[in-house]
Amino acid sequence: MFTSDNGGLATSEGSPTCNAPLAEGKGWMYEGGTREPLIVKWPGVTQAGSVCDVPVTSTDYYPTILEMAGLDLIPEQHCDGASIVSLLKGGDLARDAIYWHFPHYGNQGGTPGSSVRAGDYKLIEFFE
């Protein structure tokens, strides 16, 4: 699995941190501040060159790695994410929504707020 931090710097208009065409960047609730790359190679399971457009979040990694390793999830250790093994095998992911909550100011800009993404829709509430 390969992933990275969320968003580039919204204060920089050029490379290497430009998020175009996504709005804003790190510290913001818009897609430019919440999207993260994820690349998974699982020999014998994932297809080379395949692409999945289903949004996942970093809290999904722990249950996914446990399932990949054949280990049971201990509910008191994890309750937020969902295993994405079904997506890696070409299936679907049964999830209603993904949530973000940043009730504070950060050093990259942005406004305190929360957001929820369900399917192709995202609702953002700013706390000011």
Protein backbone atom coordinates (compact mmCIF):
# COMPACT_ATOMS: atom_id res chain seq x y z
CA MET A 1 0.00 0.00 0.00
CA PHE A 2 1.20 3.48 -0.86
CA THR A 3 -0.54 6.65 0.29
CA SER A 4 0.33 10.20 1.17
CA ASP A 5 -0.76 13.18 3.21
CA ASN A 6 -3.97 15.01 2.35
CA GLY A 7 -3.88 17.98 0.03
CA GLY A 8 -1.15 20.26 -1.16
CA LEU A 9 -0.54 23.70 0.27
CA ALA A 10 -3.44 26.00 -0.54
CA THR A 11 -1.08 28.95 -0.15
CA SER A 12 1.04 27.87 -3.13
CA GLU A 13 -0.36 28.31 -6.63
CA GLY A 14 2.25 26.25 -8.46
CA SER A 15 4.04 22.95 -8.44
CA PRO A 16 4.74 20.79 -6.61
CA THR A 17 1.77 21.35 -4.29
CA CYS A 18 -0.91 22.56 -6.70
CA ASN A 19 -4.18 20.62 -6.34
CA ALA A 20 -5.75 21.78 -9.61
CA PRO A 21 -8.45 21.06 -10.59
CA LEU A 22 -9.54 20.40 -6.97
CA ALA A 23 -10.54 23.35 -4.79
CA GLU A 24 -8.22 24.57 -2.01
CA GLY A 25 -5.70 22.37 -0.16
CA LYS A 26 -4.40 21.20 3.19
CA GLY A 27 -6.48 22.47 6.10
CA TRP A 28 -9.64 22.94 4.03
CA MET A 29 -12.82 20.83 3.84
CA TYR A 30 -12.95 21.00 0.04
CA GLU A 31 -11.72 18.09 -2.08
CA GLY A 32 -8.25 19.61 -2.45
CA GLY A 33 -7.80 19.34 1.31
CA THR A 34 -9.26 15.89 1.92
CA ARG A 35 -8.24 13.75 -1.06
CA GLU A 36 -5.30 11.39 -0.65
CA PRO A 37 -3.66 9.11 -3.20
CA LEU A 38 -3.85 5.37 -2.56
CA ILE A 39 -2.07 2.71 -4.59
CA VAL A 40 -2.40 -0.96 -3.65
CA LYS A 41 -0.52 -3.90 -5.12
CA TRP A 42 -1.71 -7.26 -3.80
CA PRO A 43 -0.21 -10.05 -5.93
CA GLY A 44 -2.84 -12.50 -7.11
CA VAL A 45 -5.70 -10.20 -6.08
CA THR A 46 -5.46 -6.70 -7.58
CA GLN A 47 -5.36 -6.33 -11.34
CA ALA A 48 -2.44 -4.36 -12.79
CA GLY A 49 -3.58 -0.99 -14.09
CA SER A 50 -7.01 -1.18 -12.50
CA VAL A 51 -8.61 2.00 -11.14
CA CYS A 52 -11.31 2.37 -8.49
CA ASP A 53 -13.15 5.67 -8.00
CA VAL A 54 -14.82 4.75 -4.69
CA PRO A 55 -13.69 7.13 -1.92
CA VAL A 56 -11.94 5.53 1.04
CA THR A 57 -10.28 7.08 4.07
CA SER A 58 -7.17 6.35 6.15
CA THR A 59 -9.26 4.80 8.93
CA ASP A 60 -10.02 2.01 6.42
CA TYR A 61 -6.37 0.89 6.30
CA TYR A 62 -6.27 -0.91 9.66
CA PRO A 63 -9.27 -3.22 9.07
CA THR A 64 -8.11 -3.75 5.48
CA ILE A 65 -4.60 -4.85 6.46
CA LEU A 66 -5.99 -7.15 9.16
CA GLU A 67 -8.33 -8.81 6.65
CA MET A 68 -5.54 -9.12 4.07
CA ALA A 69 -3.44 -10.88 6.74
CA GLY A 70 -6.32 -13.15 7.75
CA LEU A 71 -6.54 -11.64 11.24
CA ASP A 72 -9.73 -10.86 13.12
CA LEU A 73 -10.72 -7.29 13.86
CA ILE A 74 -11.00 -6.55 17.56
CA PRO A 75 -13.96 -4.11 17.82
CA GLU A 76 -12.62 -2.22 20.83
CA GLN A 77 -9.43 -1.44 18.87
CA HIS A 78 -11.17 -0.06 15.82
CA CYS A 79 -14.64 1.26 15.14
CA ASP A 80 -14.36 3.94 12.45
CA GLY A 81 -13.14 2.46 9.18
CA ALA A 82 -14.23 -0.36 6.89
CA SER A 83 -12.14 -2.98 5.16
CA ILE A 84 -11.74 -2.20 1.46
CA VAL A 85 -10.76 -5.77 0.52
CA SER A 86 -14.01 -6.09 -1.45
CA LEU A 87 -12.95 -3.09 -3.59
CA LEU A 88 -9.49 -4.56 -4.13
CA LYS A 89 -11.18 -7.71 -5.44
CA GLY A 90 -13.31 -5.70 -7.88
CA GLY A 91 -16.46 -5.54 -5.75
CA ASP A 92 -18.37 -2.81 -3.97
CA LEU A 93 -18.05 -1.16 -0.57
CA ALA A 94 -21.18 -0.88 1.58
CA ARG A 95 -20.79 2.48 3.30
CA ASP A 96 -23.26 5.31 3.72
CA ALA A 97 -20.83 8.19 4.15
CA ILE A 98 -17.34 9.40 5.11
CA TYR A 99 -16.95 12.12 7.76
CA TRP A 100 -14.30 14.76 8.49
CA HIS A 101 -14.19 16.94 11.59
CA PHE A 102 -11.67 19.77 12.02
CA PRO A 103 -13.03 22.07 14.76
CA HIS A 104 -9.89 24.21 14.92
CA TYR A 105 -7.74 26.58 12.89
CA GLY A 106 -4.64 25.09 11.32
CA ASN A 107 -1.37 26.54 10.11
CA GLN A 108 -2.27 25.92 6.44
CA GLY A 109 -5.41 28.06 6.34
CA GLY A 110 -8.93 26.79 6.27
CA THR A 111 -11.89 27.46 8.51
CA PRO A 112 -12.99 25.21 11.40
CA GLY A 113 -15.72 22.88 10.18
CA SER A 114 -17.01 19.42 9.44
CA SER A 115 -18.06 17.66 6.28
CA VAL A 116 -19.79 14.50 5.16
CA ARG A 117 -19.45 12.84 1.77
CA ALA A 118 -22.12 10.45 0.54
CA GLY A 119 -21.76 9.17 -3.01
CA ASP A 120 -21.10 12.10 -5.34
CA TYR A 121 -22.28 14.68 -2.79
CA LYS A 122 -20.38 16.50 -0.06
CA LEU A 123 -21.92 18.71 2.63
CA ILE A 124 -19.62 21.18 4.40
CA GLU A 125 -20.49 23.14 7.54
CA PHE A 126 -18.14 25.89 8.65
CA PHE A 127 -18.21 26.89 12.32
CA GLU A 128 -17.96 30.65 11.73
